[in-house]
Amino acid sequence: MERVEKALSQYRKLKVFDSQVKKTNINAVLEETVTFWNPIIVKHRPKMTLNTDPGLPEIFGSDGKMLMVVSNLISNSIYSMVKGKGMVID
């Protein structure tokens, strides 16, 4: 889990500078975050499923802050889930 904490810390440093509020596609944020976390997810979970809704409208927000929130949710789920169980993001 030390690797997870280190990766999350590095990711936050990269994305913290992107705090501008603008129209944002939440599906793109989810996909980017999952792509970043995928090597760690695969190591700890046998299966990871991301279900996005292409019909969602754009929202106003900060890509960097939303990426941090999603990263925290993924990190927390890695810590709390039973090893060997899958992960689904809907």
PDB file of N, CA and C in Angstrom:
ATOM      1  N   MET A   1       0.816  -1.195   0.000  1.00  0.00           N
ATOM      2  CA  MET A   1       0.000   0.000   0.000  1.00  0.00           C
ATOM      3  C   MET A   1       0.861   1.262   0.000  1.00  0.00           C
ATOM      4  N   GLU A   2       2.105   1.138   0.345  1.00  0.00           N
ATOM      5  CA  GLU A   2       3.015   2.271   0.308  1.00  0.00           C
ATOM      6  C   GLU A   2       3.104   2.834  -1.116  1.00  0.00           C
ATOM      7  N   ARG A   3       3.095   1.931  -2.101  1.00  0.00           N
ATOM      8  CA  ARG A   3       3.152   2.343  -3.501  1.00  0.00           C
ATOM      9  C   ARG A   3       1.911   3.142  -3.878  1.00  0.00           C
ATOM     10  N   VAL A   4       0.770   2.757  -3.357  1.00  0.00           N
ATOM     11  CA  VAL A   4      -0.471   3.477  -3.633  1.00  0.00           C
ATOM     12  C   VAL A   4      -0.381   4.895  -3.095  1.00  0.00           C
ATOM     13  N   GLU A   5       0.095   5.038  -1.870  1.00  0.00           N
ATOM     14  CA  GLU A   5       0.216   6.358  -1.261  1.00  0.00           C
ATOM     15  C   GLU A   5       1.192   7.237  -2.034  1.00  0.00           C
ATOM     16  N   LYS A   6       2.303   6.660  -2.469  1.00  0.00           N
ATOM     17  CA  LYS A   6       3.301   7.409  -3.231  1.00  0.00           C
ATOM     18  C   LYS A   6       2.726   7.856  -4.576  1.00  0.00           C
ATOM     19  N   ALA A   7       2.026   6.961  -5.263  1.00  0.00           N
ATOM     20  CA  ALA A   7       1.426   7.296  -6.558  1.00  0.00           C
ATOM     21  C   ALA A   7       0.394   8.398  -6.397  1.00  0.00           C
ATOM     22  N   LEU A   8      -0.438   8.299  -5.380  1.00  0.00           N
ATOM     23  CA  LEU A   8      -1.465   9.307  -5.144  1.00  0.00           C
ATOM     24  C   LEU A   8      -0.827  10.665  -4.859  1.00  0.00           C
ATOM     25  N   SER A   9       0.221  10.678  -4.072  1.00  0.00           N
ATOM     26  CA  SER A   9       0.920  11.916  -3.750  1.00  0.00           C
ATOM     27  C   SER A   9       1.507  12.558  -5.002  1.00  0.00           C
ATOM     28  N   GLN A  10       2.133  11.755  -5.855  1.00  0.00           N
ATOM     29  CA  GLN A  10       2.706  12.283  -7.092  1.00  0.00           C
ATOM     30  C   GLN A  10       1.616  12.804  -8.021  1.00  0.00           C
ATOM     31  N   TYR A  11       0.526  12.082  -8.106  1.00  0.00           N
ATOM     32  CA  TYR A  11      -0.576  12.483  -8.981  1.00  0.00           C
ATOM     33  C   TYR A  11      -1.177  13.799  -8.517  1.00  0.00           C
ATOM     34  N   ARG A  12      -1.325  13.950  -7.221  1.00  0.00           N
ATOM     35  CA  ARG A  12      -1.873  15.193  -6.677  1.00  0.00           C
ATOM     36  C   ARG A  12      -0.980  16.372  -7.032  1.00  0.00           C
ATOM     37  N   LYS A  13       0.327  16.178  -6.929  1.00  0.00           N
ATOM     38  CA  LYS A  13       1.266  17.256  -7.249  1.00  0.00           C
ATOM     39  C   LYS A  13       1.134  17.677  -8.709  1.00  0.00           C
ATOM     40  N   LEU A  14       0.919  16.720  -9.595  1.00  0.00           N
ATOM     41  CA  LEU A  14       0.784  17.031 -11.018  1.00  0.00           C
ATOM     42  C   LEU A  14      -0.510  17.782 -11.303  1.00  0.00           C
ATOM     43  N   LYS A  15      -1.575  17.397 -10.669  1.00  0.00           N
ATOM     44  CA  LYS A  15      -2.897  17.925 -10.993  1.00  0.00           C
ATOM     45  C   LYS A  15      -3.330  19.110 -10.133  1.00  0.00           C
ATOM     46  N   VAL A  16      -2.642  19.375  -9.055  1.00  0.00           N
ATOM     47  CA  VAL A  16      -3.070  20.442  -8.151  1.00  0.00           C
ATOM     48  C   VAL A  16      -3.002  21.804  -8.847  1.00  0.00           C
ATOM     49  N   PHE A  17      -2.149  21.945  -9.851  1.00  0.00           N
ATOM     50  CA  PHE A  17      -2.018  23.219 -10.536  1.00  0.00           C
ATOM     51  C   PHE A  17      -3.207  23.505 -11.455  1.00  0.00           C
ATOM     52  N   ASP A  18      -3.963  22.484 -11.804  1.00  0.00           N
ATOM     53  CA  ASP A  18      -5.116  22.656 -12.680  1.00  0.00           C
ATOM     54  C   ASP A  18      -6.358  22.888 -11.823  1.00  0.00           C
ATOM     55  N   SER A  19      -6.487  24.095 -11.290  1.00  0.00           N
ATOM     56  CA  SER A  19      -7.619  24.373 -10.410  1.00  0.00           C
ATOM     57  C   SER A  19      -8.600  25.367 -11.037  1.00  0.00           C
ATOM     58  N   GLN A  20      -8.435  25.636 -12.322  1.00  0.00           N
ATOM     59  CA  GLN A  20      -9.324  26.553 -13.028  1.00  0.00           C
ATOM     60  C   GLN A  20     -10.706  25.913 -13.214  1.00  0.00           C
ATOM     61  N   VAL A  21     -11.738  26.652 -12.857  1.00  0.00           N
ATOM     62  CA  VAL A  21     -13.104  26.173 -13.042  1.00  0.00           C
ATOM     63  C   VAL A  21     -13.510  26.427 -14.493  1.00  0.00           C
ATOM     64  N   LYS A  22     -13.982  25.370 -15.146  1.00  0.00           N
ATOM     65  CA  LYS A  22     -14.387  25.456 -16.548  1.00  0.00           C
ATOM     66  C   LYS A  22     -15.368  24.336 -16.838  1.00  0.00           C
ATOM     67  N   LYS A  23     -15.948  24.335 -18.037  1.00  0.00           N
ATOM     68  CA  LYS A  23     -16.809  23.220 -18.430  1.00  0.00           C
ATOM     69  C   LYS A  23     -15.956  21.975 -18.544  1.00  0.00           C
ATOM     70  N   THR A  24     -16.411  20.907 -17.932  1.00  0.00           N
ATOM     71  CA  THR A  24     -15.624  19.685 -17.857  1.00  0.00           C
ATOM     72  C   THR A  24     -16.492  18.471 -18.149  1.00  0.00           C
ATOM     73  N   ASN A  25     -15.942  17.531 -18.868  1.00  0.00           N
ATOM     74  CA  ASN A  25     -16.615  16.263 -19.147  1.00  0.00           C
ATOM     75  C   ASN A  25     -16.222  15.276 -18.045  1.00  0.00           C
ATOM     76  N   ILE A  26     -17.167  14.950 -17.181  1.00  0.00           N
ATOM     77  CA  ILE A  26     -16.863  14.071 -16.044  1.00  0.00           C
ATOM     78  C   ILE A  26     -16.424  12.685 -16.505  1.00  0.00           C
ATOM     79  N   ASN A  27     -16.944  12.218 -17.638  1.00  0.00           N
ATOM     80  CA  ASN A  27     -16.508  10.915 -18.158  1.00  0.00           C
ATOM     81  C   ASN A  27     -15.022  10.931 -18.493  1.00  0.00           C
ATOM     82  N   ALA A  28     -14.550  12.034 -19.072  1.00  0.00           N
ATOM     83  CA  ALA A  28     -13.130  12.155 -19.410  1.00  0.00           C
ATOM     84  C   ALA A  28     -12.283  12.161 -18.144  1.00  0.00           C
ATOM     85  N   VAL A  29     -12.769  12.826 -17.106  1.00  0.00           N
ATOM     86  CA  VAL A  29     -12.053  12.858 -15.822  1.00  0.00           C
ATOM     87  C   VAL A  29     -11.958  11.449 -15.244  1.00  0.00           C
ATOM     88  N   LEU A  30     -13.073  10.718 -15.267  1.00  0.00           N
ATOM     89  CA  LEU A  30     -13.078   9.344 -14.760  1.00  0.00           C
ATOM     90  C   LEU A  30     -12.114   8.459 -15.555  1.00  0.00           C
ATOM     91  N   GLU A  31     -12.165   8.572 -16.874  1.00  0.00           N
ATOM     92  CA  GLU A  31     -11.314   7.732 -17.715  1.00  0.00           C
ATOM     93  C   GLU A  31      -9.837   8.041 -17.497  1.00  0.00           C
ATOM     94  N   GLU A  32      -9.491   9.321 -17.387  1.00  0.00           N
ATOM     95  CA  GLU A  32      -8.093   9.699 -17.153  1.00  0.00           C
ATOM     96  C   GLU A  32      -7.601   9.181 -15.805  1.00  0.00           C
ATOM     97  N   THR A  33      -8.425   9.311 -14.791  1.00  0.00           N
ATOM     98  CA  THR A  33      -8.031   8.870 -13.454  1.00  0.00           C
ATOM     99  C   THR A  33      -7.877   7.355 -13.405  1.00  0.00           C
ATOM    100  N   VAL A  34      -8.812   6.625 -13.993  1.00  0.00           N
ATOM    101  CA  VAL A  34      -8.733   5.163 -14.005  1.00  0.00           C
ATOM    102  C   VAL A  34      -7.515   4.693 -14.803  1.00  0.00           C
ATOM    103  N   THR A  35      -7.213   5.381 -15.906  1.00  0.00           N
ATOM    104  CA  THR A  35      -6.029   5.027 -16.696  1.00  0.00           C
ATOM    105  C   THR A  35      -4.767   5.183 -15.858  1.00  0.00           C
ATOM    106  N   PHE A  36      -4.689   6.255 -15.099  1.00  0.00           N
ATOM    107  CA  PHE A  36      -3.531   6.473 -14.227  1.00  0.00           C
ATOM    108  C   PHE A  36      -3.415   5.365 -13.173  1.00  0.00           C
ATOM    109  N   TRP A  37      -4.537   5.024 -12.557  1.00  0.00           N
ATOM    110  CA  TRP A  37      -4.545   4.062 -11.463  1.00  0.00           C
ATOM    111  C   TRP A  37      -4.532   2.604 -11.917  1.00  0.00           C
ATOM    112  N   ASN A  38      -4.789   2.346 -13.196  1.00  0.00           N
ATOM    113  CA  ASN A  38      -4.971   0.979 -13.669  1.00  0.00           C
ATOM    114  C   ASN A  38      -3.851   0.006 -13.257  1.00  0.00           C
ATOM    115  N   PRO A  39      -2.558   0.351 -13.387  1.00  0.00           N
ATOM    116  CA  PRO A  39      -1.521  -0.611 -12.974  1.00  0.00           C
ATOM    117  C   PRO A  39      -1.627  -1.006 -11.498  1.00  0.00           C
ATOM    118  N   ILE A  40      -1.999  -0.068 -10.657  1.00  0.00           N
ATOM    119  CA  ILE A  40      -2.129  -0.364  -9.227  1.00  0.00           C
ATOM    120  C   ILE A  40      -3.410  -1.145  -8.968  1.00  0.00           C
ATOM    121  N   ILE A  41      -4.492  -0.776  -9.647  1.00  0.00           N
ATOM    122  CA  ILE A  41      -5.761  -1.480  -9.487  1.00  0.00           C
ATOM    123  C   ILE A  41      -5.599  -2.938  -9.881  1.00  0.00           C
ATOM    124  N   VAL A  42      -4.978  -3.179 -11.029  1.00  0.00           N
ATOM    125  CA  VAL A  42      -4.803  -4.549 -11.526  1.00  0.00           C
ATOM    126  C   VAL A  42      -3.980  -5.388 -10.547  1.00  0.00           C
ATOM    127  N   LYS A  43      -3.021  -4.765  -9.909  1.00  0.00           N
ATOM    128  CA  LYS A  43      -2.191  -5.494  -8.938  1.00  0.00           C
ATOM    129  C   LYS A  43      -3.004  -5.957  -7.724  1.00  0.00           C
ATOM    130  N   HIS A  44      -3.970  -5.152  -7.312  1.00  0.00           N
ATOM    131  CA  HIS A  44      -4.726  -5.441  -6.088  1.00  0.00           C
ATOM    132  C   HIS A  44      -6.124  -6.002  -6.340  1.00  0.00           C
ATOM    133  N   ARG A  45      -6.656  -5.821  -7.533  1.00  0.00           N
ATOM    134  CA  ARG A  45      -8.005  -6.281  -7.858  1.00  0.00           C
ATOM    135  C   ARG A  45      -7.957  -7.061  -9.163  1.00  0.00           C
ATOM    136  N   PRO A  46      -8.580  -8.222  -9.224  1.00  0.00           N
ATOM    137  CA  PRO A  46      -8.528  -8.994 -10.465  1.00  0.00           C
ATOM    138  C   PRO A  46      -9.325  -8.372 -11.602  1.00  0.00           C
ATOM    139  N   LYS A  47     -10.312  -7.553 -11.260  1.00  0.00           N
ATOM    140  CA  LYS A  47     -11.164  -6.988 -12.300  1.00  0.00           C
ATOM    141  C   LYS A  47     -11.587  -5.576 -11.908  1.00  0.00           C
ATOM    142  N   MET A  48     -11.543  -4.679 -12.888  1.00  0.00           N
ATOM    143  CA  MET A  48     -11.966  -3.306 -12.686  1.00  0.00           C
ATOM    144  C   MET A  48     -12.871  -2.925 -13.845  1.00  0.00           C
ATOM    145  N   THR A  49     -14.051  -2.422 -13.546  1.00  0.00           N
ATOM    146  CA  THR A  49     -15.009  -2.038 -14.574  1.00  0.00           C
ATOM    147  C   THR A  49     -15.370  -0.570 -14.398  1.00  0.00           C
ATOM    148  N   LEU A  50     -15.284   0.189 -15.497  1.00  0.00           N
ATOM    149  CA  LEU A  50     -15.696   1.591 -15.496  1.00  0.00           C
ATOM    150  C   LEU A  50     -16.886   1.723 -16.428  1.00  0.00           C
ATOM    151  N   ASN A  51     -18.019   2.106 -15.883  1.00  0.00           N
ATOM    152  CA  ASN A  51     -19.240   2.308 -16.668  1.00  0.00           C
ATOM    153  C   ASN A  51     -19.539   3.804 -16.705  1.00  0.00           C
ATOM    154  N   THR A  52     -19.314   4.433 -17.856  1.00  0.00           N
ATOM    155  CA  THR A  52     -19.613   5.854 -17.979  1.00  0.00           C
ATOM    156  C   THR A  52     -20.914   6.029 -18.758  1.00  0.00           C
ATOM    157  N   ASP A  53     -21.512   7.178 -18.610  1.00  0.00           N
ATOM    158  CA  ASP A  53     -22.757   7.503 -19.300  1.00  0.00           C
ATOM    159  C   ASP A  53     -22.464   8.598 -20.321  1.00  0.00           C
ATOM    160  N   PRO A  54     -22.423   8.262 -21.604  1.00  0.00           N
ATOM    161  CA  PRO A  54     -22.103   9.266 -22.619  1.00  0.00           C
ATOM    162  C   PRO A  54     -23.129  10.383 -22.708  1.00  0.00           C
ATOM    163  N   GLY A  55     -24.272  10.208 -22.112  1.00  0.00           N
ATOM    164  CA  GLY A  55     -25.316  11.219 -22.147  1.00  0.00           C
ATOM    165  C   GLY A  55     -25.186  12.292 -21.069  1.00  0.00           C
ATOM    166  N   LEU A  56     -24.194  12.167 -20.191  1.00  0.00           N
ATOM    167  CA  LEU A  56     -24.043  13.165 -19.133  1.00  0.00           C
ATOM    168  C   LEU A  56     -23.617  14.506 -19.716  1.00  0.00           C
ATOM    169  N   PRO A  57     -24.219  15.588 -19.252  1.00  0.00           N
ATOM    170  CA  PRO A  57     -23.806  16.909 -19.750  1.00  0.00           C
ATOM    171  C   PRO A  57     -22.477  17.316 -19.112  1.00  0.00           C
ATOM    172  N   GLU A  58     -21.826  18.293 -19.732  1.00  0.00           N
ATOM    173  CA  GLU A  58     -20.620  18.843 -19.121  1.00  0.00           C
ATOM    174  C   GLU A  58     -21.026  19.588 -17.856  1.00  0.00           C
ATOM    175  N   ILE A  59     -20.101  19.645 -16.914  1.00  0.00           N
ATOM    176  CA  ILE A  59     -20.351  20.357 -15.664  1.00  0.00           C
ATOM    177  C   ILE A  59     -19.269  21.409 -15.478  1.00  0.00           C
ATOM    178  N   PHE A  60     -19.526  22.390 -14.635  1.00  0.00           N
ATOM    179  CA  PHE A  60     -18.503  23.366 -14.318  1.00  0.00           C
ATOM    180  C   PHE A  60     -17.731  22.858 -13.115  1.00  0.00           C
ATOM    181  N   GLY A  61     -16.410  22.836 -13.250  1.00  0.00           N
ATOM    182  CA  GLY A  61     -15.568  22.380 -12.160  1.00  0.00           C
ATOM    183  C   GLY A  61     -14.110  22.439 -12.550  1.00  0.00           C
ATOM    184  N   SER A  62     -13.281  22.047 -11.652  1.00  0.00           N
ATOM    185  CA  SER A  62     -11.845  22.013 -11.850  1.00  0.00           C
ATOM    186  C   SER A  62     -11.427  20.575 -12.150  1.00  0.00           C
ATOM    187  N   ASP A  63     -10.827  20.362 -13.320  1.00  0.00           N
ATOM    188  CA  ASP A  63     -10.351  19.011 -13.664  1.00  0.00           C
ATOM    189  C   ASP A  63      -9.431  18.474 -12.579  1.00  0.00           C
ATOM    190  N   GLY A  64      -8.479  19.288 -12.146  1.00  0.00           N
ATOM    191  CA  GLY A  64      -7.508  18.850 -11.152  1.00  0.00           C
ATOM    192  C   GLY A  64      -8.149  18.435  -9.837  1.00  0.00           C
ATOM    193  N   LYS A  65      -9.101  19.231  -9.375  1.00  0.00           N
ATOM    194  CA  LYS A  65      -9.759  18.904  -8.105  1.00  0.00           C
ATOM    195  C   LYS A  65     -10.646  17.670  -8.239  1.00  0.00           C
ATOM    196  N   MET A  66     -11.333  17.552  -9.392  1.00  0.00           N
ATOM    197  CA  MET A  66     -12.161  16.360  -9.587  1.00  0.00           C
ATOM    198  C   MET A  66     -11.290  15.101  -9.704  1.00  0.00           C
ATOM    199  N   LEU A  67     -10.147  15.224 -10.366  1.00  0.00           N
ATOM    200  CA  LEU A  67      -9.221  14.095 -10.461  1.00  0.00           C
ATOM    201  C   LEU A  67      -8.741  13.680  -9.072  1.00  0.00           C
ATOM    202  N   MET A  68      -8.494  14.667  -8.201  1.00  0.00           N
ATOM    203  CA  MET A  68      -8.061  14.333  -6.840  1.00  0.00           C
ATOM    204  C   MET A  68      -9.161  13.603  -6.076  1.00  0.00           C
ATOM    205  N   VAL A  69     -10.408  14.054  -6.237  1.00  0.00           N
ATOM    206  CA  VAL A  69     -11.534  13.402  -5.544  1.00  0.00           C
ATOM    207  C   VAL A  69     -11.680  11.956  -6.011  1.00  0.00           C
ATOM    208  N   VAL A  70     -11.680  11.747  -7.335  1.00  0.00           N
ATOM    209  CA  VAL A  70     -11.822  10.383  -7.867  1.00  0.00           C
ATOM    210  C   VAL A  70     -10.632   9.526  -7.451  1.00  0.00           C
ATOM    211  N   SER A  71      -9.428  10.097  -7.456  1.00  0.00           N
ATOM    212  CA  SER A  71      -8.244   9.357  -7.015  1.00  0.00           C
ATOM    213  C   SER A  71      -8.368   8.923  -5.561  1.00  0.00           C
ATOM    214  N   ASN A  72      -8.879   9.820  -4.724  1.00  0.00           N
ATOM    215  CA  ASN A  72      -9.080   9.471  -3.313  1.00  0.00           C
ATOM    216  C   ASN A  72     -10.095   8.338  -3.162  1.00  0.00           C
ATOM    217  N   LEU A  73     -11.171   8.384  -3.931  1.00  0.00           N
ATOM    218  CA  LEU A  73     -12.172   7.311  -3.866  1.00  0.00           C
ATOM    219  C   LEU A  73     -11.568   5.970  -4.296  1.00  0.00           C
ATOM    220  N   ILE A  74     -10.787   5.986  -5.368  1.00  0.00           N
ATOM    221  CA  ILE A  74     -10.157   4.745  -5.833  1.00  0.00           C
ATOM    222  C   ILE A  74      -9.161   4.247  -4.795  1.00  0.00           C
ATOM    223  N   SER A  75      -8.335   5.150  -4.283  1.00  0.00           N
ATOM    224  CA  SER A  75      -7.350   4.764  -3.266  1.00  0.00           C
ATOM    225  C   SER A  75      -8.035   4.168  -2.031  1.00  0.00           C
ATOM    226  N   ASN A  76      -9.097   4.813  -1.560  1.00  0.00           N
ATOM    227  CA  ASN A  76      -9.819   4.308  -0.391  1.00  0.00           C
ATOM    228  C   ASN A  76     -10.434   2.942  -0.670  1.00  0.00           C
ATOM    229  N   SER A  77     -10.931   2.737  -1.883  1.00  0.00           N
ATOM    230  CA  SER A  77     -11.531   1.438  -2.192  1.00  0.00           C
ATOM    231  C   SER A  77     -10.472   0.345  -2.257  1.00  0.00           C
ATOM    232  N   ILE A  78      -9.271   0.681  -2.737  1.00  0.00           N
ATOM    233  CA  ILE A  78      -8.188  -0.304  -2.759  1.00  0.00           C
ATOM    234  C   ILE A  78      -7.856  -0.733  -1.338  1.00  0.00           C
ATOM    235  N   TYR A  79      -7.800   0.225  -0.411  1.00  0.00           N
ATOM    236  CA  TYR A  79      -7.494  -0.084   0.984  1.00  0.00           C
ATOM    237  C   TYR A  79      -8.583  -0.917   1.653  1.00  0.00           C
ATOM    238  N   SER A  80      -9.848  -0.597   1.346  1.00  0.00           N
ATOM    239  CA  SER A  80     -10.939  -1.186   2.126  1.00  0.00           C
ATOM    240  C   SER A  80     -11.550  -2.445   1.534  1.00  0.00           C
ATOM    241  N   MET A  81     -11.323  -2.720   0.257  1.00  0.00           N
ATOM    242  CA  MET A  81     -11.946  -3.891  -0.365  1.00  0.00           C
ATOM    243  C   MET A  81     -11.206  -5.160  -0.010  1.00  0.00           C
ATOM    244  N   VAL A  82     -11.950  -6.244  -0.013  1.00  0.00           N
ATOM    245  CA  VAL A  82     -11.371  -7.559   0.215  1.00  0.00           C
ATOM    246  C   VAL A  82     -10.507  -7.907  -1.001  1.00  0.00           C
ATOM    247  N   LYS A  83      -9.279  -8.349  -0.745  1.00  0.00           N
ATOM    248  CA  LYS A  83      -8.392  -8.709  -1.852  1.00  0.00           C
ATOM    249  C   LYS A  83      -9.015  -9.832  -2.668  1.00  0.00           C
ATOM    250  N   GLY A  84      -8.922  -9.688  -3.984  1.00  0.00           N
ATOM    251  CA  GLY A  84      -9.500 -10.701  -4.880  1.00  0.00           C
ATOM    252  C   GLY A  84     -10.870 -10.338  -5.413  1.00  0.00           C
ATOM    253  N   LYS A  85     -11.478  -9.291  -4.844  1.00  0.00           N
ATOM    254  CA  LYS A  85     -12.790  -8.843  -5.322  1.00  0.00           C
ATOM    255  C   LYS A  85     -12.606  -7.783  -6.392  1.00  0.00           C
ATOM    256  N   GLY A  86     -13.570  -7.657  -7.282  1.00  0.00           N
ATOM    257  CA  GLY A  86     -13.509  -6.687  -8.353  1.00  0.00           C
ATOM    258  C   GLY A  86     -13.927  -5.296  -7.895  1.00  0.00           C
ATOM    259  N   MET A  87     -13.695  -4.307  -8.780  1.00  0.00           N
ATOM    260  CA  MET A  87     -14.052  -2.925  -8.500  1.00  0.00           C
ATOM    261  C   MET A  87     -14.904  -2.426  -9.668  1.00  0.00           C
ATOM    262  N   VAL A  88     -16.015  -1.776  -9.351  1.00  0.00           N
ATOM    263  CA  VAL A  88     -16.894  -1.212 -10.385  1.00  0.00           C
ATOM    264  C   VAL A  88     -17.096   0.266 -10.095  1.00  0.00           C
ATOM    265  N   ILE A  89     -16.911   1.088 -11.124  1.00  0.00           N
ATOM    266  CA  ILE A  89     -17.194   2.504 -11.008  1.00  0.00           C
ATOM    267  C   ILE A  89     -18.339   2.813 -11.953  1.00  0.00           C
ATOM    268  N   ASP A  90     -19.476   3.204 -11.388  1.00  0.00           N
ATOM    269  CA  ASP A  90     -20.670   3.530 -12.184  1.00  0.00           C
ATOM    270  C   ASP A  90     -20.910   5.015 -12.149  1.00  0.00           C
TER     271      ASP A  90
END
